[in-house]
Amino acid sequence: MQIDRAEFERLVLEQLDFLYRVALKLARDSNKAEDLVQEACYRAIRSRESFQMSPGGIRPWLVQILRNAFLTRATREARQPRLAEDDALENAAGPVAGSPPELSFHIGEHMDQEVAHAVQALPEEYRTVLMLWALEDFSYQEIADALNIPIGTVMSRLHRARSKLTQQLQDYAKREGIRRE
């Protein structure tokens, strides 16, 4: 079923806050997240004719577009030369007004820093699946649709993400007396 342009644009615009949250978790920078959302919306509107409404709604399709935009930018940025001085400046500058919120905000406002660091240390493909499942309440099928991967891959990545988190947090749990030996 084809949706008319005005209805399609309304559906996309309703998802802006959601897209920004996902983009912020991917990019870890508010300016880059805003750019990613803008790029994803542009791509979505440009591709309106190819959109087919699924049982999961428009969200999985938009997340797939957003993720593709993120991966395209990350690949392009990785190819760009980087001055050694930039690293030194970033480390020496410290927090700057307007800088992105702390890492714990990206993962969850009340989440312990140790857990937040463990989640951030996960490989991108595991972190993305975990984030969509745990924080955005996506079903396995919605994640599979959004990332354009088989549902079995979603399940295995989620399992591996949990296993890696468990492994990374064992020492922390022992120190805090959460886990008995």
N, C-alpha and C. Protein backbone atom coordinates (compact mmCIF):
# COMPACT_ATOMS: atom_id res chain seq x y z
N MET A 1 0.84 -1.18 0.00
CA MET A 1 0.00 0.00 0.00
C MET A 1 0.88 1.24 0.00
N GLN A 2 0.69 2.09 -0.99
CA GLN A 2 1.47 3.33 -1.11
C GLN A 2 0.82 4.42 -0.26
N ILE A 3 1.62 5.17 0.46
CA ILE A 3 1.15 6.26 1.30
C ILE A 3 1.40 7.57 0.56
N ASP A 4 0.43 8.51 0.65
CA ASP A 4 0.65 9.79 -0.03
C ASP A 4 1.76 10.58 0.67
N ARG A 5 2.32 11.54 -0.04
CA ARG A 5 3.50 12.27 0.42
C ARG A 5 3.28 12.96 1.77
N ALA A 6 2.15 13.64 1.95
CA ALA A 6 1.89 14.35 3.21
C ALA A 6 1.82 13.38 4.39
N GLU A 7 1.15 12.26 4.22
CA GLU A 7 1.04 11.25 5.28
C GLU A 7 2.41 10.64 5.58
N PHE A 8 3.17 10.36 4.53
CA PHE A 8 4.50 9.79 4.70
C PHE A 8 5.40 10.76 5.49
N GLU A 9 5.39 12.02 5.10
CA GLU A 9 6.22 13.01 5.80
C GLU A 9 5.78 13.15 7.26
N ARG A 10 4.49 13.07 7.53
CA ARG A 10 4.00 13.13 8.91
C ARG A 10 4.54 11.94 9.71
N LEU A 11 4.51 10.73 9.11
CA LEU A 11 5.03 9.54 9.78
C LEU A 11 6.51 9.69 10.10
N VAL A 12 7.27 10.23 9.16
CA VAL A 12 8.71 10.42 9.37
C VAL A 12 8.94 11.45 10.47
N LEU A 13 8.24 12.57 10.40
CA LEU A 13 8.45 13.65 11.38
C LEU A 13 8.07 13.22 12.80
N GLU A 14 7.09 12.34 12.93
CA GLU A 14 6.71 11.82 14.25
C GLU A 14 7.85 11.04 14.91
N GLN A 15 8.79 10.57 14.11
CA GLN A 15 9.88 9.73 14.62
C GLN A 15 11.17 10.51 14.90
N LEU A 16 11.15 11.83 14.77
CA LEU A 16 12.39 12.62 14.92
C LEU A 16 13.05 12.42 16.28
N ASP A 17 12.29 12.49 17.37
CA ASP A 17 12.89 12.30 18.69
C ASP A 17 13.50 10.92 18.84
N PHE A 18 12.78 9.91 18.37
CA PHE A 18 13.28 8.54 18.41
C PHE A 18 14.56 8.42 17.59
N LEU A 19 14.55 8.96 16.37
CA LEU A 19 15.73 8.89 15.51
C LEU A 19 16.92 9.60 16.15
N TYR A 20 16.68 10.72 16.79
CA TYR A 20 17.76 11.44 17.45
C TYR A 20 18.37 10.60 18.58
N ARG A 21 17.51 9.95 19.38
CA ARG A 21 18.03 9.10 20.47
C ARG A 21 18.92 7.99 19.91
N VAL A 22 18.46 7.34 18.84
CA VAL A 22 19.25 6.26 18.24
C VAL A 22 20.54 6.82 17.66
N ALA A 23 20.45 7.94 16.96
CA ALA A 23 21.64 8.56 16.35
C ALA A 23 22.64 8.97 17.41
N LEU A 24 22.16 9.48 18.53
CA LEU A 24 23.06 9.89 19.62
C LEU A 24 23.78 8.69 20.21
N LYS A 25 23.10 7.57 20.28
CA LYS A 25 23.74 6.35 20.80
C LYS A 25 24.77 5.80 19.82
N LEU A 26 24.50 5.98 18.53
CA LEU A 26 25.45 5.51 17.52
C LEU A 26 26.66 6.45 17.42
N ALA A 27 26.39 7.74 17.29
CA ALA A 27 27.45 8.71 17.01
C ALA A 27 28.16 9.20 18.27
N ARG A 28 27.48 9.18 19.41
CA ARG A 28 28.04 9.65 20.68
C ARG A 28 28.45 11.12 20.63
N ASP A 29 27.80 11.89 19.79
CA ASP A 29 28.08 13.31 19.65
C ASP A 29 26.79 13.98 19.18
N SER A 30 26.33 15.00 19.89
CA SER A 30 25.04 15.60 19.57
C SER A 30 25.01 16.25 18.19
N ASN A 31 26.10 16.89 17.79
CA ASN A 31 26.12 17.51 16.46
C ASN A 31 26.09 16.46 15.35
N LYS A 32 26.86 15.40 15.52
CA LYS A 32 26.85 14.33 14.52
C LYS A 32 25.49 13.63 14.50
N ALA A 33 24.87 13.48 15.67
CA ALA A 33 23.55 12.85 15.73
C ALA A 33 22.53 13.68 14.97
N GLU A 34 22.56 15.00 15.15
CA GLU A 34 21.63 15.87 14.41
C GLU A 34 21.85 15.75 12.91
N ASP A 35 23.10 15.72 12.49
CA ASP A 35 23.41 15.56 11.07
C ASP A 35 22.90 14.22 10.53
N LEU A 36 23.08 13.17 11.33
CA LEU A 36 22.62 11.84 10.91
C LEU A 36 21.10 11.80 10.76
N VAL A 37 20.39 12.41 11.68
CA VAL A 37 18.93 12.43 11.60
C VAL A 37 18.49 13.19 10.35
N GLN A 38 19.14 14.32 10.10
CA GLN A 38 18.80 15.09 8.90
C GLN A 38 19.07 14.27 7.64
N GLU A 39 20.21 13.61 7.58
CA GLU A 39 20.55 12.78 6.43
C GLU A 39 19.56 11.63 6.27
N ALA A 40 19.21 10.98 7.39
CA ALA A 40 18.27 9.85 7.32
C ALA A 40 16.89 10.31 6.85
N CYS A 41 16.42 11.45 7.33
CA CYS A 41 15.12 11.96 6.89
C CYS A 41 15.15 12.32 5.41
N TYR A 42 16.22 12.93 4.98
CA TYR A 42 16.36 13.27 3.56
C TYR A 42 16.32 11.99 2.71
N ARG A 43 17.09 10.98 3.13
CA ARG A 43 17.11 9.72 2.38
C ARG A 43 15.75 9.04 2.39
N ALA A 44 15.06 9.10 3.53
CA ALA A 44 13.75 8.46 3.64
C ALA A 44 12.75 9.14 2.71
N ILE A 45 12.71 10.44 2.74
CA ILE A 45 11.76 11.16 1.89
C ILE A 45 12.09 10.95 0.42
N ARG A 46 13.37 10.93 0.10
CA ARG A 46 13.80 10.69 -1.28
C ARG A 46 13.41 9.28 -1.74
N SER A 47 13.33 8.33 -0.81
CA SER A 47 13.04 6.93 -1.14
C SER A 47 11.59 6.55 -0.83
N ARG A 48 10.72 7.52 -0.71
CA ARG A 48 9.33 7.28 -0.31
C ARG A 48 8.65 6.21 -1.17
N GLU A 49 8.89 6.22 -2.47
CA GLU A 49 8.21 5.29 -3.37
C GLU A 49 8.56 3.83 -3.06
N SER A 50 9.75 3.59 -2.52
CA SER A 50 10.16 2.21 -2.25
C SER A 50 9.68 1.73 -0.87
N PHE A 51 9.12 2.61 -0.06
CA PHE A 51 8.69 2.24 1.28
C PHE A 51 7.42 1.39 1.23
N GLN A 52 7.44 0.29 1.95
CA GLN A 52 6.28 -0.57 2.13
C GLN A 52 6.03 -0.70 3.63
N MET A 53 4.86 -0.32 4.08
CA MET A 53 4.54 -0.38 5.51
C MET A 53 4.60 -1.83 5.97
N SER A 54 5.33 -2.07 7.05
CA SER A 54 5.45 -3.42 7.60
C SER A 54 4.68 -3.47 8.92
N PRO A 55 4.51 -4.66 9.48
CA PRO A 55 3.81 -4.76 10.77
C PRO A 55 4.50 -3.95 11.87
N GLY A 56 5.81 -3.76 11.75
CA GLY A 56 6.55 -2.98 12.74
C GLY A 56 6.44 -1.48 12.52
N GLY A 57 5.73 -1.06 11.49
CA GLY A 57 5.58 0.37 11.21
C GLY A 57 6.78 0.90 10.44
N ILE A 58 7.00 2.18 10.56
CA ILE A 58 8.05 2.86 9.81
C ILE A 58 9.39 2.85 10.55
N ARG A 59 9.36 2.62 11.85
CA ARG A 59 10.59 2.70 12.65
C ARG A 59 11.73 1.81 12.15
N PRO A 60 11.51 0.51 11.93
CA PRO A 60 12.63 -0.33 11.48
C PRO A 60 13.25 0.17 10.17
N TRP A 61 12.42 0.62 9.26
CA TRP A 61 12.91 1.14 7.98
C TRP A 61 13.76 2.38 8.21
N LEU A 62 13.29 3.29 9.08
CA LEU A 62 14.04 4.51 9.36
C LEU A 62 15.36 4.22 10.09
N VAL A 63 15.34 3.24 11.00
CA VAL A 63 16.58 2.86 11.70
C VAL A 63 17.58 2.29 10.71
N GLN A 64 17.10 1.51 9.76
CA GLN A 64 18.01 0.96 8.74
C GLN A 64 18.64 2.09 7.94
N ILE A 65 17.86 3.08 7.55
CA ILE A 65 18.40 4.23 6.81
C ILE A 65 19.39 4.99 7.68
N LEU A 66 19.03 5.22 8.94
CA LEU A 66 19.92 5.95 9.86
C LEU A 66 21.23 5.21 10.06
N ARG A 67 21.16 3.91 10.25
CA ARG A 67 22.37 3.11 10.45
C ARG A 67 23.25 3.12 9.21
N ASN A 68 22.63 3.01 8.04
CA ASN A 68 23.40 3.07 6.80
C ASN A 68 24.09 4.42 6.65
N ALA A 69 23.40 5.49 7.00
CA ALA A 69 24.01 6.83 6.94
C ALA A 69 25.18 6.91 7.92
N PHE A 70 25.01 6.34 9.12
CA PHE A 70 26.08 6.32 10.12
C PHE A 70 27.29 5.55 9.61
N LEU A 71 27.06 4.36 9.06
CA LEU A 71 28.17 3.55 8.56
C LEU A 71 28.88 4.21 7.39
N THR A 72 28.12 4.85 6.51
CA THR A 72 28.72 5.57 5.39
C THR A 72 29.63 6.69 5.89
N ARG A 73 29.12 7.46 6.85
CA ARG A 73 29.93 8.56 7.41
C ARG A 73 31.15 8.04 8.15
N ALA A 74 30.97 6.97 8.92
CA ALA A 74 32.09 6.42 9.69
C ALA A 74 33.18 5.92 8.74
N THR A 75 32.79 5.27 7.66
CA THR A 75 33.76 4.79 6.68
C THR A 75 34.50 5.96 6.03
N ARG A 76 33.73 6.98 5.66
CA ARG A 76 34.33 8.16 5.03
C ARG A 76 35.28 8.87 6.00
N GLU A 77 34.88 9.02 7.25
CA GLU A 77 35.72 9.70 8.24
C GLU A 77 36.98 8.89 8.55
N ALA A 78 36.88 7.57 8.53
CA ALA A 78 38.04 6.73 8.81
C ALA A 78 39.12 6.88 7.74
N ARG A 79 38.70 7.23 6.53
CA ARG A 79 39.65 7.41 5.44
C ARG A 79 40.33 8.77 5.46
N GLN A 80 39.77 9.70 6.21
CA GLN A 80 40.31 11.05 6.24
C GLN A 80 41.59 11.09 7.08
N PRO A 81 42.58 11.86 6.62
CA PRO A 81 43.80 11.99 7.42
C PRO A 81 43.50 12.74 8.72
N ARG A 82 44.19 12.39 9.74
CA ARG A 82 43.99 13.01 11.05
C ARG A 82 45.34 13.43 11.60
N LEU A 83 45.44 14.67 12.00
CA LEU A 83 46.68 15.17 12.56
C LEU A 83 46.89 14.62 13.97
N ALA A 84 48.12 14.32 14.30
CA ALA A 84 48.43 13.84 15.65
C ALA A 84 48.11 14.92 16.68
N GLU A 85 48.20 16.17 16.28
CA GLU A 85 47.91 17.27 17.20
C GLU A 85 46.46 17.27 17.65
N ASP A 86 45.54 16.79 16.81
CA ASP A 86 44.14 16.75 17.17
C ASP A 86 43.91 15.92 18.43
N ASP A 87 44.56 14.75 18.50
CA ASP A 87 44.41 13.89 19.67
C ASP A 87 44.89 14.60 20.92
N ALA A 88 46.03 15.24 20.84
CA ALA A 88 46.58 15.94 21.99
C ALA A 88 45.65 17.08 22.43
N LEU A 89 45.11 17.79 21.47
CA LEU A 89 44.20 18.89 21.79
C LEU A 89 42.92 18.38 22.45
N GLU A 90 42.37 17.30 21.92
CA GLU A 90 41.15 16.75 22.51
C GLU A 90 41.38 16.28 23.93
N ASN A 91 42.51 15.64 24.19
CA ASN A 91 42.80 15.15 25.54
C ASN A 91 43.09 16.28 26.51
N ALA A 92 43.71 17.33 26.05
CA ALA A 92 44.09 18.43 26.92
C ALA A 92 42.95 19.39 27.18
N ALA A 93 42.00 19.47 26.28
CA ALA A 93 40.96 20.49 26.38
C ALA A 93 40.00 20.27 27.54
N GLY A 94 39.71 19.03 27.87
CA GLY A 94 38.74 18.76 28.92
C GLY A 94 37.34 19.09 28.46
N PRO A 95 36.37 19.13 29.39
CA PRO A 95 34.99 19.40 28.98
C PRO A 95 34.83 20.81 28.45
N VAL A 96 34.05 20.92 27.41
CA VAL A 96 33.81 22.21 26.78
C VAL A 96 32.31 22.46 26.81
N ALA A 97 31.91 23.72 26.97
CA ALA A 97 30.49 24.05 26.94
C ALA A 97 29.91 23.56 25.62
N GLY A 98 28.77 22.90 25.70
CA GLY A 98 28.14 22.38 24.50
C GLY A 98 28.65 21.01 24.09
N SER A 99 29.58 20.43 24.88
CA SER A 99 30.08 19.11 24.54
C SER A 99 29.00 18.08 24.84
N PRO A 100 29.12 16.89 24.25
CA PRO A 100 28.07 15.90 24.45
C PRO A 100 27.95 15.49 25.91
N PRO A 101 26.76 15.05 26.33
CA PRO A 101 26.58 14.63 27.72
C PRO A 101 27.46 13.43 28.04
N GLU A 102 27.56 13.15 29.32
CA GLU A 102 28.41 12.04 29.74
C GLU A 102 27.95 10.72 29.15
N LEU A 103 28.86 9.78 29.10
CA LEU A 103 28.61 8.47 28.52
C LEU A 103 27.39 7.80 29.13
N SER A 104 27.20 7.94 30.44
CA SER A 104 26.08 7.26 31.08
C SER A 104 24.75 7.74 30.55
N PHE A 105 24.67 8.98 30.10
CA PHE A 105 23.43 9.48 29.52
C PHE A 105 23.11 8.76 28.23
N HIS A 106 24.14 8.49 27.43
CA HIS A 106 23.91 7.83 26.15
C HIS A 106 23.34 6.44 26.35
N ILE A 107 23.75 5.76 27.37
CA ILE A 107 23.30 4.41 27.61
C ILE A 107 22.03 4.40 28.45
N GLY A 108 21.97 5.20 29.44
CA GLY A 108 20.81 5.29 30.32
C GLY A 108 21.16 6.20 31.47
N GLU A 109 20.26 7.11 31.80
CA GLU A 109 20.59 8.13 32.78
C GLU A 109 20.99 7.56 34.14
N HIS A 110 20.40 6.44 34.54
CA HIS A 110 20.65 5.91 35.88
C HIS A 110 21.56 4.69 35.87
N MET A 111 22.14 4.39 34.76
CA MET A 111 22.98 3.21 34.65
C MET A 111 24.36 3.49 35.24
N ASP A 112 24.87 2.53 35.93
CA ASP A 112 26.19 2.64 36.54
C ASP A 112 27.25 2.86 35.47
N GLN A 113 28.26 3.65 35.78
CA GLN A 113 29.33 3.96 34.83
C GLN A 113 30.05 2.70 34.35
N GLU A 114 30.24 1.75 35.24
CA GLU A 114 30.93 0.51 34.84
C GLU A 114 30.14 -0.21 33.75
N VAL A 115 28.83 -0.28 33.92
CA VAL A 115 27.99 -0.93 32.93
C VAL A 115 28.01 -0.13 31.63
N ALA A 116 27.93 1.20 31.75
CA ALA A 116 27.96 2.05 30.56
C ALA A 116 29.26 1.85 29.78
N HIS A 117 30.38 1.79 30.48
CA HIS A 117 31.67 1.58 29.80
C HIS A 117 31.72 0.18 29.16
N ALA A 118 31.18 -0.81 29.85
CA ALA A 118 31.16 -2.17 29.28
C ALA A 118 30.31 -2.21 28.02
N VAL A 119 29.17 -1.53 28.02
CA VAL A 119 28.31 -1.49 26.83
C VAL A 119 29.03 -0.78 25.69
N GLN A 120 29.68 0.34 26.00
CA GLN A 120 30.39 1.09 24.95
C GLN A 120 31.57 0.29 24.39
N ALA A 121 32.13 -0.62 25.17
CA ALA A 121 33.26 -1.42 24.70
C ALA A 121 32.83 -2.55 23.77
N LEU A 122 31.54 -2.82 23.70
CA LEU A 122 31.06 -3.87 22.80
C LEU A 122 31.31 -3.49 21.35
N PRO A 123 31.54 -4.47 20.49
CA PRO A 123 31.62 -4.17 19.05
C PRO A 123 30.31 -3.51 18.59
N GLU A 124 30.41 -2.65 17.60
CA GLU A 124 29.26 -1.86 17.14
C GLU A 124 28.06 -2.72 16.81
N GLU A 125 28.25 -3.86 16.13
CA GLU A 125 27.10 -4.67 15.73
C GLU A 125 26.39 -5.28 16.93
N TYR A 126 27.12 -5.60 18.01
CA TYR A 126 26.49 -6.11 19.22
C TYR A 126 25.79 -4.98 19.97
N ARG A 127 26.48 -3.85 20.09
CA ARG A 127 25.94 -2.69 20.82
C ARG A 127 24.64 -2.20 20.17
N THR A 128 24.60 -2.17 18.84
CA THR A 128 23.41 -1.69 18.15
C THR A 128 22.23 -2.61 18.41
N VAL A 129 22.41 -3.91 18.30
CA VAL A 129 21.33 -4.86 18.56
C VAL A 129 20.88 -4.74 20.01
N LEU A 130 21.82 -4.69 20.94
CA LEU A 130 21.48 -4.58 22.36
C LEU A 130 20.71 -3.29 22.63
N MET A 131 21.16 -2.18 22.05
CA MET A 131 20.51 -0.89 22.26
C MET A 131 19.08 -0.90 21.73
N LEU A 132 18.88 -1.42 20.53
CA LEU A 132 17.53 -1.45 19.97
C LEU A 132 16.61 -2.36 20.78
N TRP A 133 17.14 -3.47 21.27
CA TRP A 133 16.33 -4.41 22.03
C TRP A 133 16.04 -3.89 23.44
N ALA A 134 17.09 -3.48 24.15
CA ALA A 134 16.93 -3.13 25.56
C ALA A 134 16.39 -1.72 25.78
N LEU A 135 16.83 -0.77 24.99
CA LEU A 135 16.45 0.62 25.25
C LEU A 135 15.28 1.11 24.41
N GLU A 136 15.13 0.55 23.22
CA GLU A 136 14.06 1.01 22.34
C GLU A 136 12.91 0.01 22.23
N ASP A 137 13.02 -1.13 22.94
CA ASP A 137 11.97 -2.16 22.98
C ASP A 137 11.60 -2.70 21.60
N PHE A 138 12.58 -2.82 20.72
CA PHE A 138 12.34 -3.42 19.41
C PHE A 138 12.23 -4.93 19.60
N SER A 139 11.35 -5.55 18.84
CA SER A 139 11.28 -7.01 18.81
C SER A 139 12.45 -7.52 17.96
N TYR A 140 12.71 -8.82 18.04
CA TYR A 140 13.77 -9.40 17.22
C TYR A 140 13.51 -9.12 15.74
N GLN A 141 12.25 -9.27 15.33
CA GLN A 141 11.91 -9.05 13.93
C GLN A 141 12.12 -7.59 13.52
N GLU A 142 11.77 -6.66 14.39
CA GLU A 142 11.97 -5.24 14.08
C GLU A 142 13.46 -4.92 13.96
N ILE A 143 14.27 -5.52 14.81
CA ILE A 143 15.72 -5.32 14.73
C ILE A 143 16.25 -5.91 13.43
N ALA A 144 15.79 -7.10 13.09
CA ALA A 144 16.22 -7.74 11.84
C ALA A 144 15.85 -6.87 10.64
N ASP A 145 14.65 -6.32 10.65
CA ASP A 145 14.21 -5.45 9.56
C ASP A 145 15.05 -4.17 9.52
N ALA A 146 15.29 -3.58 10.69
CA ALA A 146 16.01 -2.31 10.75
C ALA A 146 17.46 -2.45 10.29
N LEU A 147 18.09 -3.57 10.64
CA LEU A 147 19.50 -3.76 10.33
C LEU A 147 19.72 -4.59 9.07
N ASN A 148 18.61 -5.08 8.51
CA ASN A 148 18.67 -5.88 7.28
C ASN A 148 19.54 -7.12 7.47
N ILE A 149 19.28 -7.82 8.57
CA ILE A 149 19.99 -9.06 8.89
C ILE A 149 18.95 -10.11 9.26
N PRO A 150 19.30 -11.39 9.16
CA PRO A 150 18.36 -12.44 9.55
C PRO A 150 18.06 -12.40 11.05
N ILE A 151 16.89 -12.88 11.42
CA ILE A 151 16.49 -12.87 12.82
C ILE A 151 17.43 -13.73 13.67
N GLY A 152 17.96 -14.80 13.09
CA GLY A 152 18.93 -15.63 13.81
C GLY A 152 20.20 -14.87 14.15
N THR A 153 20.61 -13.98 13.25
CA THR A 153 21.78 -13.14 13.51
C THR A 153 21.49 -12.18 14.65
N VAL A 154 20.27 -11.64 14.69
CA VAL A 154 19.87 -10.76 15.80
C VAL A 154 19.99 -11.52 17.11
N MET A 155 19.45 -12.73 17.14
CA MET A 155 19.47 -13.52 18.37
C MET A 155 20.90 -13.86 18.79
N SER A 156 21.76 -14.22 17.83
CA SER A 156 23.13 -14.58 18.20
C SER A 156 23.92 -13.35 18.65
N ARG A 157 23.70 -12.20 17.99
CA ARG A 157 24.41 -10.98 18.41
C ARG A 157 23.96 -10.54 19.80
N LEU A 158 22.68 -10.67 20.07
CA LEU A 158 22.18 -10.30 21.39
C LEU A 158 22.75 -11.25 22.45
N HIS A 159 22.80 -12.53 22.14
CA HIS A 159 23.40 -13.49 23.07
C HIS A 159 24.87 -13.17 23.31
N ARG A 160 25.61 -12.89 22.25
CA ARG A 160 27.03 -12.56 22.40
C ARG A 160 27.23 -11.26 23.16
N ALA A 161 26.36 -10.28 22.91
CA ALA A 161 26.46 -9.02 23.64
C ALA A 161 26.28 -9.26 25.14
N ARG A 162 25.28 -10.05 25.49
CA ARG A 162 25.04 -10.37 26.90
C ARG A 162 26.23 -11.12 27.49
N SER A 163 26.76 -12.08 26.76
CA SER A 163 27.90 -12.85 27.25
C SER A 163 29.11 -11.97 27.48
N LYS A 164 29.38 -11.09 26.53
CA LYS A 164 30.52 -10.18 26.67
C LYS A 164 30.33 -9.23 27.86
N LEU A 165 29.11 -8.73 28.04
CA LEU A 165 28.83 -7.86 29.19
C LEU A 165 29.04 -8.61 30.49
N THR A 166 28.56 -9.83 30.55
CA THR A 166 28.73 -10.65 31.76
C THR A 166 30.22 -10.84 32.05
N GLN A 167 30.96 -11.16 31.02
CA GLN A 167 32.40 -11.38 31.18
C GLN A 167 33.10 -10.09 31.64
N GLN A 168 32.76 -8.96 31.01
CA GLN A 168 33.41 -7.69 31.33
C GLN A 168 33.06 -7.20 32.73
N LEU A 169 31.90 -7.57 33.22
CA LEU A 169 31.44 -7.04 34.51
C LEU A 169 31.67 -7.98 35.69
N GLN A 170 32.29 -9.13 35.46
CA GLN A 170 32.52 -10.08 36.56
C GLN A 170 33.40 -9.49 37.66
N ASP A 171 34.50 -8.87 37.31
CA ASP A 171 35.38 -8.28 38.33
C ASP A 171 34.67 -7.18 39.10
N TYR A 172 33.93 -6.36 38.38
CA TYR A 172 33.18 -5.28 39.03
C TYR A 172 32.17 -5.87 40.02
N ALA A 173 31.48 -6.91 39.62
CA ALA A 173 30.48 -7.53 40.49
C ALA A 173 31.13 -8.09 41.75
N LYS A 174 32.29 -8.70 41.59
CA LYS A 174 33.01 -9.25 42.76
C LYS A 174 33.40 -8.13 43.71
N ARG A 175 33.95 -7.03 43.17
CA ARG A 175 34.36 -5.89 44.01
C ARG A 175 33.18 -5.30 44.77
N GLU A 176 32.05 -5.24 44.14
CA GLU A 176 30.87 -4.63 44.75
C GLU A 176 30.07 -5.61 45.61
N GLY A 177 30.50 -6.88 45.64
CA GLY A 177 29.79 -7.88 46.44
C GLY A 177 28.47 -8.30 45.82
N ILE A 178 28.33 -8.08 44.53
CA ILE A 178 27.08 -8.44 43.86
C ILE A 178 27.07 -9.92 43.53
N ARG A 179 28.22 -10.46 43.22
CA ARG A 179 28.31 -11.85 42.80
C ARG A 179 29.16 -12.63 43.80
N ARG A 180 28.67 -13.76 44.20
CA ARG A 180 29.45 -14.61 45.11
C ARG A 180 30.32 -15.56 44.30
N GLU A 181 31.48 -15.87 44.86
CA GLU A 181 32.39 -16.80 44.18
C GLU A 181 32.06 -18.22 44.54
